[in-house]
């Protein structure tokens, strides 16, 4: 079997939590920006029929 990696340094848990918190905040910002952009865009038209000759029969 493969050897286990060495245990993390004592201070690394706080660093990891800080990185995770920063990543969560950034993800939330991106999601909010996407939601705002979707709210500003007009709704897409109803499902249009596929163009002629574009069938999936191959």
Foldseek 3Di string as FASTA:
>chain_A
DDDDDDDDDPPVVVVVVVVVVVVVVVVVVVVVVVVVVVVPDDDDDPDDDDDPPPDPPD
